[in-house]
Amino acid sequence: MFDFLEGYDLLGAFWVTVKLTVFAGVGSLIWGTLLAAMRVGPVPLMRGFGTAYVNIVRNIPLTVIILFTSLGLSQTLGVNLGADTFETINFRLSVLGLIAYTSAFVCEALRSGINTVPVGQAEAARAIGLNFTQVLTLIVLPQAFRSVVGPLTNVLIALTKNTTVAAAIGVAEAAALMKEMIENEAQLILISAVFAFGFVCLTLPTGLILGWVSKKVAVKR
């Protein structure tokens, strides 16, 4: 029944999807946190940059961003991110594009968490001599992260599914293999079902586990 899978590296394709998700997820969390800090910071220039970045990037289709990293950064400007093979260059460019896009949503999720922290706590911290960075990192962000595990889980699940866009620049992830198999095989429904099941196996446990974590670490108010 599944003879059509022979000769195709299905697990390898999904492994590339997992790596895209992990690398882009970590990068998005870091950059998104910095953007959130800018948006709530005391420096008008940084607040303006953070606001402009989020409002612009999240309204640009991800496909456009991914294609720009390939056509604009790599082919036009010669940016290869230290890679020396076509596959590695496109993989790293895809991670960069996914980070640029997803971090805007991470920023907004985290900013909503920052807004749930009582203002009095930040004022009390400043009253004892802590500066903005100390207040943010020691008082505000730990509570904000605990309150937005659920929203960040949704962002991570969306990121996992968005990795399929990397196929547009030749990254050999799951969607690229699915396209190849559909072109070469006649089992359209079975192929679609296999890849749909694969993505469910990636995203469903993520949602269940992080949903449980969200309940465990939620800030009691």
C-alpha atoms as a PDB file:
ATOM      1  CA  MET A   1       0.000   0.000   0.000  1.00  0.00           C
ATOM      2  CA  PHE A   2       2.861   2.322   0.812  1.00  0.00           C
ATOM      3  CA  ASP A   3       5.229   1.086  -1.862  1.00  0.00           C
ATOM      4  CA  PHE A   4       5.276   4.585  -3.340  1.00  0.00           C
ATOM      5  CA  LEU A   5       7.423   5.711  -0.374  1.00  0.00           C
ATOM      6  CA  GLU A   6      10.342   3.547  -1.478  1.00  0.00           C
ATOM      7  CA  GLY A   7      13.251   5.545  -2.799  1.00  0.00           C
ATOM      8  CA  TYR A   8      12.280   8.719  -0.945  1.00  0.00           C
ATOM      9  CA  ASP A   9      13.954   9.984   2.216  1.00  0.00           C
ATOM     10  CA  LEU A  10      10.775  10.843   4.117  1.00  0.00           C
ATOM     11  CA  LEU A  11      12.397  10.901   7.555  1.00  0.00           C
ATOM     12  CA  GLY A  12      15.258  13.005   6.247  1.00  0.00           C
ATOM     13  CA  ALA A  13      12.849  15.584   4.859  1.00  0.00           C
ATOM     14  CA  PHE A  14      10.976  15.853   8.140  1.00  0.00           C
ATOM     15  CA  TRP A  15      14.304  16.064   9.985  1.00  0.00           C
ATOM     16  CA  VAL A  16      15.126  19.155   7.918  1.00  0.00           C
ATOM     17  CA  THR A  17      11.716  20.558   8.911  1.00  0.00           C
ATOM     18  CA  VAL A  18      12.523  19.913  12.571  1.00  0.00           C
ATOM     19  CA  LYS A  19      15.907  21.633  12.264  1.00  0.00           C
ATOM     20  CA  LEU A  20      14.331  24.640  10.558  1.00  0.00           C
ATOM     21  CA  THR A  21      11.786  24.860  13.377  1.00  0.00           C
ATOM     22  CA  VAL A  22      14.351  24.555  16.165  1.00  0.00           C
ATOM     23  CA  PHE A  23      16.905  27.010  14.771  1.00  0.00           C
ATOM     24  CA  ALA A  24      14.273  29.534  13.703  1.00  0.00           C
ATOM     25  CA  GLY A  25      12.397  29.100  16.986  1.00  0.00           C
ATOM     26  CA  VAL A  26      15.441  29.860  19.116  1.00  0.00           C
ATOM     27  CA  GLY A  27      16.442  32.791  16.923  1.00  0.00           C
ATOM     28  CA  SER A  28      12.903  34.183  16.907  1.00  0.00           C
ATOM     29  CA  LEU A  29      12.693  33.970  20.695  1.00  0.00           C
ATOM     30  CA  ILE A  30      15.933  35.922  21.092  1.00  0.00           C
ATOM     31  CA  TRP A  31      15.183  38.578  18.477  1.00  0.00           C
ATOM     32  CA  GLY A  32      11.530  38.806  19.486  1.00  0.00           C
ATOM     33  CA  THR A  33      12.521  39.384  23.120  1.00  0.00           C
ATOM     34  CA  LEU A  34      14.876  42.182  22.085  1.00  0.00           C
ATOM     35  CA  LEU A  35      12.115  43.742  19.987  1.00  0.00           C
ATOM     36  CA  ALA A  36       9.704  43.558  22.924  1.00  0.00           C
ATOM     37  CA  ALA A  37      12.298  45.244  25.133  1.00  0.00           C
ATOM     38  CA  MET A  38      12.634  47.997  22.551  1.00  0.00           C
ATOM     39  CA  ARG A  39       8.875  48.489  22.368  1.00  0.00           C
ATOM     40  CA  VAL A  40       8.530  49.018  26.117  1.00  0.00           C
ATOM     41  CA  GLY A  41      11.857  50.797  26.567  1.00  0.00           C
ATOM     42  CA  PRO A  42      12.426  54.439  27.520  1.00  0.00           C
ATOM     43  CA  VAL A  43      14.332  55.395  24.340  1.00  0.00           C
ATOM     44  CA  PRO A  44      11.948  56.872  21.699  1.00  0.00           C
ATOM     45  CA  LEU A  45      14.179  55.871  18.781  1.00  0.00           C
ATOM     46  CA  MET A  46      14.250  52.230  19.873  1.00  0.00           C
ATOM     47  CA  ARG A  47      10.503  52.216  20.541  1.00  0.00           C
ATOM     48  CA  GLY A  48       9.918  53.619  17.076  1.00  0.00           C
ATOM     49  CA  PHE A  49      12.189  51.006  15.474  1.00  0.00           C
ATOM     50  CA  GLY A  50      10.493  48.143  17.335  1.00  0.00           C
ATOM     51  CA  THR A  51       7.012  49.372  16.461  1.00  0.00           C
ATOM     52  CA  ALA A  52       7.891  49.947  12.801  1.00  0.00           C
ATOM     53  CA  TYR A  53       9.599  46.554  12.481  1.00  0.00           C
ATOM     54  CA  VAL A  54       6.651  44.623  13.912  1.00  0.00           C
ATOM     55  CA  ASN A  55       3.996  46.492  11.955  1.00  0.00           C
ATOM     56  CA  ILE A  56       5.875  46.176   8.673  1.00  0.00           C
ATOM     57  CA  VAL A  57       7.242  42.629   8.874  1.00  0.00           C
ATOM     58  CA  ARG A  58       4.106  40.891  10.112  1.00  0.00           C
ATOM     59  CA  ASN A  59       2.144  42.384   7.195  1.00  0.00           C
ATOM     60  CA  ILE A  60       4.579  41.077   4.562  1.00  0.00           C
ATOM     61  CA  PRO A  61       3.851  37.548   3.245  1.00  0.00           C
ATOM     62  CA  LEU A  62       6.427  35.044   4.459  1.00  0.00           C
ATOM     63  CA  THR A  63       6.995  33.854   0.899  1.00  0.00           C
ATOM     64  CA  VAL A  64       8.155  37.345  -0.066  1.00  0.00           C
ATOM     65  CA  ILE A  65      10.610  37.416   2.846  1.00  0.00           C
ATOM     66  CA  ILE A  66      12.016  33.970   2.047  1.00  0.00           C
ATOM     67  CA  LEU A  67      12.414  34.830  -1.643  1.00  0.00           C
ATOM     68  CA  PHE A  68      14.120  38.096  -0.691  1.00  0.00           C
ATOM     69  CA  THR A  69      16.693  36.239   1.396  1.00  0.00           C
ATOM     70  CA  SER A  70      17.532  34.089  -1.645  1.00  0.00           C
ATOM     71  CA  LEU A  71      17.214  36.536  -4.528  1.00  0.00           C
ATOM     72  CA  GLY A  72      18.132  39.710  -2.652  1.00  0.00           C
ATOM     73  CA  LEU A  73      20.678  38.714  -0.043  1.00  0.00           C
ATOM     74  CA  SER A  74      22.315  35.698  -1.673  1.00  0.00           C
ATOM     75  CA  GLN A  75      22.160  36.230  -5.429  1.00  0.00           C
ATOM     76  CA  THR A  76      22.286  40.053  -5.502  1.00  0.00           C
ATOM     77  CA  LEU A  77      24.384  40.974  -2.458  1.00  0.00           C
ATOM     78  CA  GLY A  78      26.394  37.768  -2.235  1.00  0.00           C
ATOM     79  CA  VAL A  79      25.473  37.014   1.371  1.00  0.00           C
ATOM     80  CA  ASN A  80      26.064  33.316   2.066  1.00  0.00           C
ATOM     81  CA  LEU A  81      26.176  33.289   5.906  1.00  0.00           C
ATOM     82  CA  GLY A  82      29.442  31.367   5.905  1.00  0.00           C
ATOM     83  CA  ALA A  83      28.096  28.429   3.907  1.00  0.00           C
ATOM     84  CA  ASP A  84      29.815  26.975   0.860  1.00  0.00           C
ATOM     85  CA  THR A  85      27.172  24.710  -0.684  1.00  0.00           C
ATOM     86  CA  PHE A  86      23.868  25.551  -2.341  1.00  0.00           C
ATOM     87  CA  GLU A  87      21.854  23.440   0.115  1.00  0.00           C
ATOM     88  CA  THR A  88      23.500  24.901   3.207  1.00  0.00           C
ATOM     89  CA  ILE A  89      23.206  28.474   1.962  1.00  0.00           C
ATOM     90  CA  ASN A  90      19.485  28.108   1.269  1.00  0.00           C
ATOM     91  CA  PHE A  91      18.918  26.367   4.600  1.00  0.00           C
ATOM     92  CA  ARG A  92      20.570  29.195   6.525  1.00  0.00           C
ATOM     93  CA  LEU A  93      18.804  31.843   4.477  1.00  0.00           C
ATOM     94  CA  SER A  94      15.488  30.138   5.205  1.00  0.00           C
ATOM     95  CA  VAL A  95      16.249  30.160   8.931  1.00  0.00           C
ATOM     96  CA  LEU A  96      17.095  33.865   8.680  1.00  0.00           C
ATOM     97  CA  GLY A  97      13.839  34.632   6.879  1.00  0.00           C
ATOM     98  CA  LEU A  98      11.780  32.598   9.329  1.00  0.00           C
ATOM     99  CA  ILE A  99      13.446  34.396  12.253  1.00  0.00           C
ATOM    100  CA  ALA A 100      12.795  37.810  10.729  1.00  0.00           C
ATOM    101  CA  TYR A 101       9.117  36.978  10.228  1.00  0.00           C
ATOM    102  CA  THR A 102       8.302  34.956  13.354  1.00  0.00           C
ATOM    103  CA  SER A 103      10.078  37.303  15.780  1.00  0.00           C
ATOM    104  CA  ALA A 104       7.444  39.962  15.071  1.00  0.00           C
ATOM    105  CA  PHE A 105       4.755  37.637  16.445  1.00  0.00           C
ATOM    106  CA  VAL A 106       6.953  36.578  19.365  1.00  0.00           C
ATOM    107  CA  CYS A 107       7.426  40.256  20.197  1.00  0.00           C
ATOM    108  CA  GLU A 108       3.702  40.957  20.295  1.00  0.00           C
ATOM    109  CA  ALA A 109       2.974  37.852  22.380  1.00  0.00           C
ATOM    110  CA  LEU A 110       5.691  38.788  24.845  1.00  0.00           C
ATOM    111  CA  ARG A 111       4.639  42.435  24.966  1.00  0.00           C
ATOM    112  CA  SER A 112       1.136  41.331  25.936  1.00  0.00           C
ATOM    113  CA  GLY A 113       2.720  39.346  28.759  1.00  0.00           C
ATOM    114  CA  ILE A 114       4.736  42.363  29.881  1.00  0.00           C
ATOM    115  CA  ASN A 115       1.520  44.372  30.064  1.00  0.00           C
ATOM    116  CA  THR A 116       0.060  41.835  32.521  1.00  0.00           C
ATOM    117  CA  VAL A 117       2.797  42.531  35.075  1.00  0.00           C
ATOM    118  CA  PRO A 118       1.499  45.058  37.644  1.00  0.00           C
ATOM    119  CA  VAL A 119       3.048  48.481  37.144  1.00  0.00           C
ATOM    120  CA  GLY A 120       3.633  48.744  40.869  1.00  0.00           C
ATOM    121  CA  GLN A 121       6.267  46.007  40.731  1.00  0.00           C
ATOM    122  CA  ALA A 122       8.367  47.917  38.207  1.00  0.00           C
ATOM    123  CA  GLU A 123       7.946  51.136  40.192  1.00  0.00           C
ATOM    124  CA  ALA A 124       9.023  49.409  43.394  1.00  0.00           C
ATOM    125  CA  ALA A 125      12.088  47.982  41.633  1.00  0.00           C
ATOM    126  CA  ARG A 126      13.059  51.420  40.327  1.00  0.00           C
ATOM    127  CA  ALA A 127      12.536  52.864  43.824  1.00  0.00           C
ATOM    128  CA  ILE A 128      15.260  50.597  45.218  1.00  0.00           C
ATOM    129  CA  GLY A 129      17.704  51.698  42.536  1.00  0.00           C
ATOM    130  CA  LEU A 130      17.347  49.152  39.728  1.00  0.00           C
ATOM    131  CA  ASN A 131      17.778  50.500  36.199  1.00  0.00           C
ATOM    132  CA  PHE A 132      15.525  49.687  33.236  1.00  0.00           C
ATOM    133  CA  THR A 133      17.544  46.652  32.105  1.00  0.00           C
ATOM    134  CA  GLN A 134      17.564  45.174  35.605  1.00  0.00           C
ATOM    135  CA  VAL A 135      13.846  45.782  36.079  1.00  0.00           C
ATOM    136  CA  LEU A 136      13.088  44.175  32.746  1.00  0.00           C
ATOM    137  CA  THR A 137      15.322  41.122  33.106  1.00  0.00           C
ATOM    138  CA  LEU A 138      14.881  40.450  36.829  1.00  0.00           C
ATOM    139  CA  ILE A 139      11.282  41.483  37.502  1.00  0.00           C
ATOM    140  CA  VAL A 140       9.185  41.850  34.364  1.00  0.00           C
ATOM    141  CA  LEU A 141      10.380  39.302  31.786  1.00  0.00           C
ATOM    142  CA  PRO A 142      10.361  36.234  34.094  1.00  0.00           C
ATOM    143  CA  GLN A 143       6.681  36.859  34.859  1.00  0.00           C
ATOM    144  CA  ALA A 144       5.879  37.817  31.268  1.00  0.00           C
ATOM    145  CA  PHE A 145       7.327  34.580  29.879  1.00  0.00           C
ATOM    146  CA  ARG A 146       5.323  32.506  32.355  1.00  0.00           C
ATOM    147  CA  SER A 147       2.094  34.196  31.286  1.00  0.00           C
ATOM    148  CA  VAL A 148       2.610  33.794  27.525  1.00  0.00           C
ATOM    149  CA  VAL A 149       3.679  30.152  27.208  1.00  0.00           C
ATOM    150  CA  GLY A 150       0.313  29.454  25.553  1.00  0.00           C
ATOM    151  CA  PRO A 151       0.560  32.216  22.923  1.00  0.00           C
ATOM    152  CA  LEU A 152       4.205  31.357  22.244  1.00  0.00           C
ATOM    153  CA  THR A 153       3.159  27.734  21.722  1.00  0.00           C
ATOM    154  CA  ASN A 154       0.755  28.871  19.005  1.00  0.00           C
ATOM    155  CA  VAL A 155       3.585  30.861  17.398  1.00  0.00           C
ATOM    156  CA  LEU A 156       5.842  27.777  17.480  1.00  0.00           C
ATOM    157  CA  ILE A 157       3.169  25.590  15.892  1.00  0.00           C
ATOM    158  CA  ALA A 158       2.624  28.211  13.184  1.00  0.00           C
ATOM    159  CA  LEU A 159       6.394  28.327  12.637  1.00  0.00           C
ATOM    160  CA  THR A 160       6.511  24.552  12.174  1.00  0.00           C
ATOM    161  CA  LYS A 161       3.898  24.783   9.438  1.00  0.00           C
ATOM    162  CA  ASN A 162       5.505  27.878   7.918  1.00  0.00           C
ATOM    163  CA  THR A 163       8.739  25.968   7.306  1.00  0.00           C
ATOM    164  CA  THR A 164       7.042  24.573   4.198  1.00  0.00           C
ATOM    165  CA  VAL A 165       7.655  27.960   2.548  1.00  0.00           C
ATOM    166  CA  ALA A 166      11.385  27.158   2.531  1.00  0.00           C
ATOM    167  CA  ALA A 167      10.657  24.803  -0.374  1.00  0.00           C
ATOM    168  CA  ALA A 168      10.298  27.942  -2.523  1.00  0.00           C
ATOM    169  CA  ILE A 169      14.088  28.397  -2.523  1.00  0.00           C
ATOM    170  CA  GLY A 170      15.006  24.735  -2.795  1.00  0.00           C
ATOM    171  CA  VAL A 171      15.354  23.608   0.813  1.00  0.00           C
ATOM    172  CA  ALA A 172      14.791  19.844   0.883  1.00  0.00           C
ATOM    173  CA  GLU A 173      12.218  19.806   3.678  1.00  0.00           C
ATOM    174  CA  ALA A 174       8.895  17.965   3.855  1.00  0.00           C
ATOM    175  CA  ALA A 175       6.909  20.177   1.488  1.00  0.00           C
ATOM    176  CA  ALA A 176       9.613  19.989  -1.186  1.00  0.00           C
ATOM    177  CA  LEU A 177       9.629  16.194  -1.008  1.00  0.00           C
ATOM    178  CA  MET A 178       5.827  16.108  -1.114  1.00  0.00           C
ATOM    179  CA  LYS A 179       5.858  18.201  -4.292  1.00  0.00           C
ATOM    180  CA  GLU A 180       8.425  15.869  -5.859  1.00  0.00           C
ATOM    181  CA  MET A 181       6.430  12.773  -4.950  1.00  0.00           C
ATOM    182  CA  ILE A 182       3.165  14.194  -6.280  1.00  0.00           C
ATOM    183  CA  GLU A 183       4.880  14.942  -9.588  1.00  0.00           C
ATOM    184  CA  ASN A 184       6.329  11.424  -9.850  1.00  0.00           C
ATOM    185  CA  GLU A 185       3.672   9.231  -8.256  1.00  0.00           C
ATOM    186  CA  ALA A 186      -0.045   8.670  -8.825  1.00  0.00           C
ATOM    187  CA  GLN A 187      -1.018   8.245  -5.166  1.00  0.00           C
ATOM    188  CA  LEU A 188      -2.059  11.859  -4.543  1.00  0.00           C
ATOM    189  CA  ILE A 189      -4.434  11.189  -1.641  1.00  0.00           C
ATOM    190  CA  LEU A 190      -2.072   8.793   0.148  1.00  0.00           C
ATOM    191  CA  ILE A 191       0.892  11.126  -0.280  1.00  0.00           C
ATOM    192  CA  SER A 192      -1.102  14.040   1.107  1.00  0.00           C
ATOM    193  CA  ALA A 193      -2.306  11.911   4.012  1.00  0.00           C
ATOM    194  CA  VAL A 194       1.236  10.791   4.880  1.00  0.00           C
ATOM    195  CA  PHE A 195       2.586  14.331   4.994  1.00  0.00           C
ATOM    196  CA  ALA A 196      -0.455  15.642   6.855  1.00  0.00           C
ATOM    197  CA  PHE A 197       0.043  12.897   9.443  1.00  0.00           C
ATOM    198  CA  GLY A 198       3.722  13.811   9.681  1.00  0.00           C
ATOM    199  CA  PHE A 199       2.950  17.431  10.517  1.00  0.00           C
ATOM    200  CA  VAL A 200       0.295  16.383  13.020  1.00  0.00           C
ATOM    201  CA  CYS A 201       2.943  14.231  14.731  1.00  0.00           C
ATOM    202  CA  LEU A 202       5.172  17.304  14.982  1.00  0.00           C
ATOM    203  CA  THR A 203       2.632  19.886  16.094  1.00  0.00           C
ATOM    204  CA  LEU A 204       0.123  17.973  18.247  1.00  0.00           C
ATOM    205  CA  PRO A 205       2.617  16.798  20.908  1.00  0.00           C
ATOM    206  CA  THR A 206       4.111  20.298  20.972  1.00  0.00           C
ATOM    207  CA  GLY A 207       0.721  21.827  21.710  1.00  0.00           C
ATOM    208  CA  LEU A 208      -0.161  19.237  24.359  1.00  0.00           C
ATOM    209  CA  ILE A 209       3.173  19.386  26.189  1.00  0.00           C
ATOM    210  CA  LEU A 210       3.535  23.169  26.165  1.00  0.00           C
ATOM    211  CA  GLY A 211      -0.152  23.531  27.049  1.00  0.00           C
ATOM    212  CA  TRP A 212       0.542  21.482  30.165  1.00  0.00           C
ATOM    213  CA  VAL A 213       3.641  23.588  30.890  1.00  0.00           C
ATOM    214  CA  SER A 214       1.581  26.763  30.482  1.00  0.00           C
ATOM    215  CA  LYS A 215      -0.812  25.648  33.211  1.00  0.00           C
ATOM    216  CA  LYS A 216       2.027  24.652  35.518  1.00  0.00           C
ATOM    217  CA  VAL A 217       4.004  27.901  35.259  1.00  0.00           C
ATOM    218  CA  ALA A 218       1.117  30.362  34.996  1.00  0.00           C
ATOM    219  CA  VAL A 219       1.467  33.316  37.352  1.00  0.00           C
ATOM    220  CA  LYS A 220      -1.187  33.217  40.073  1.00  0.00           C
ATOM    221  CA  ARG A 221      -2.716  36.657  40.546  1.00  0.00           C
END
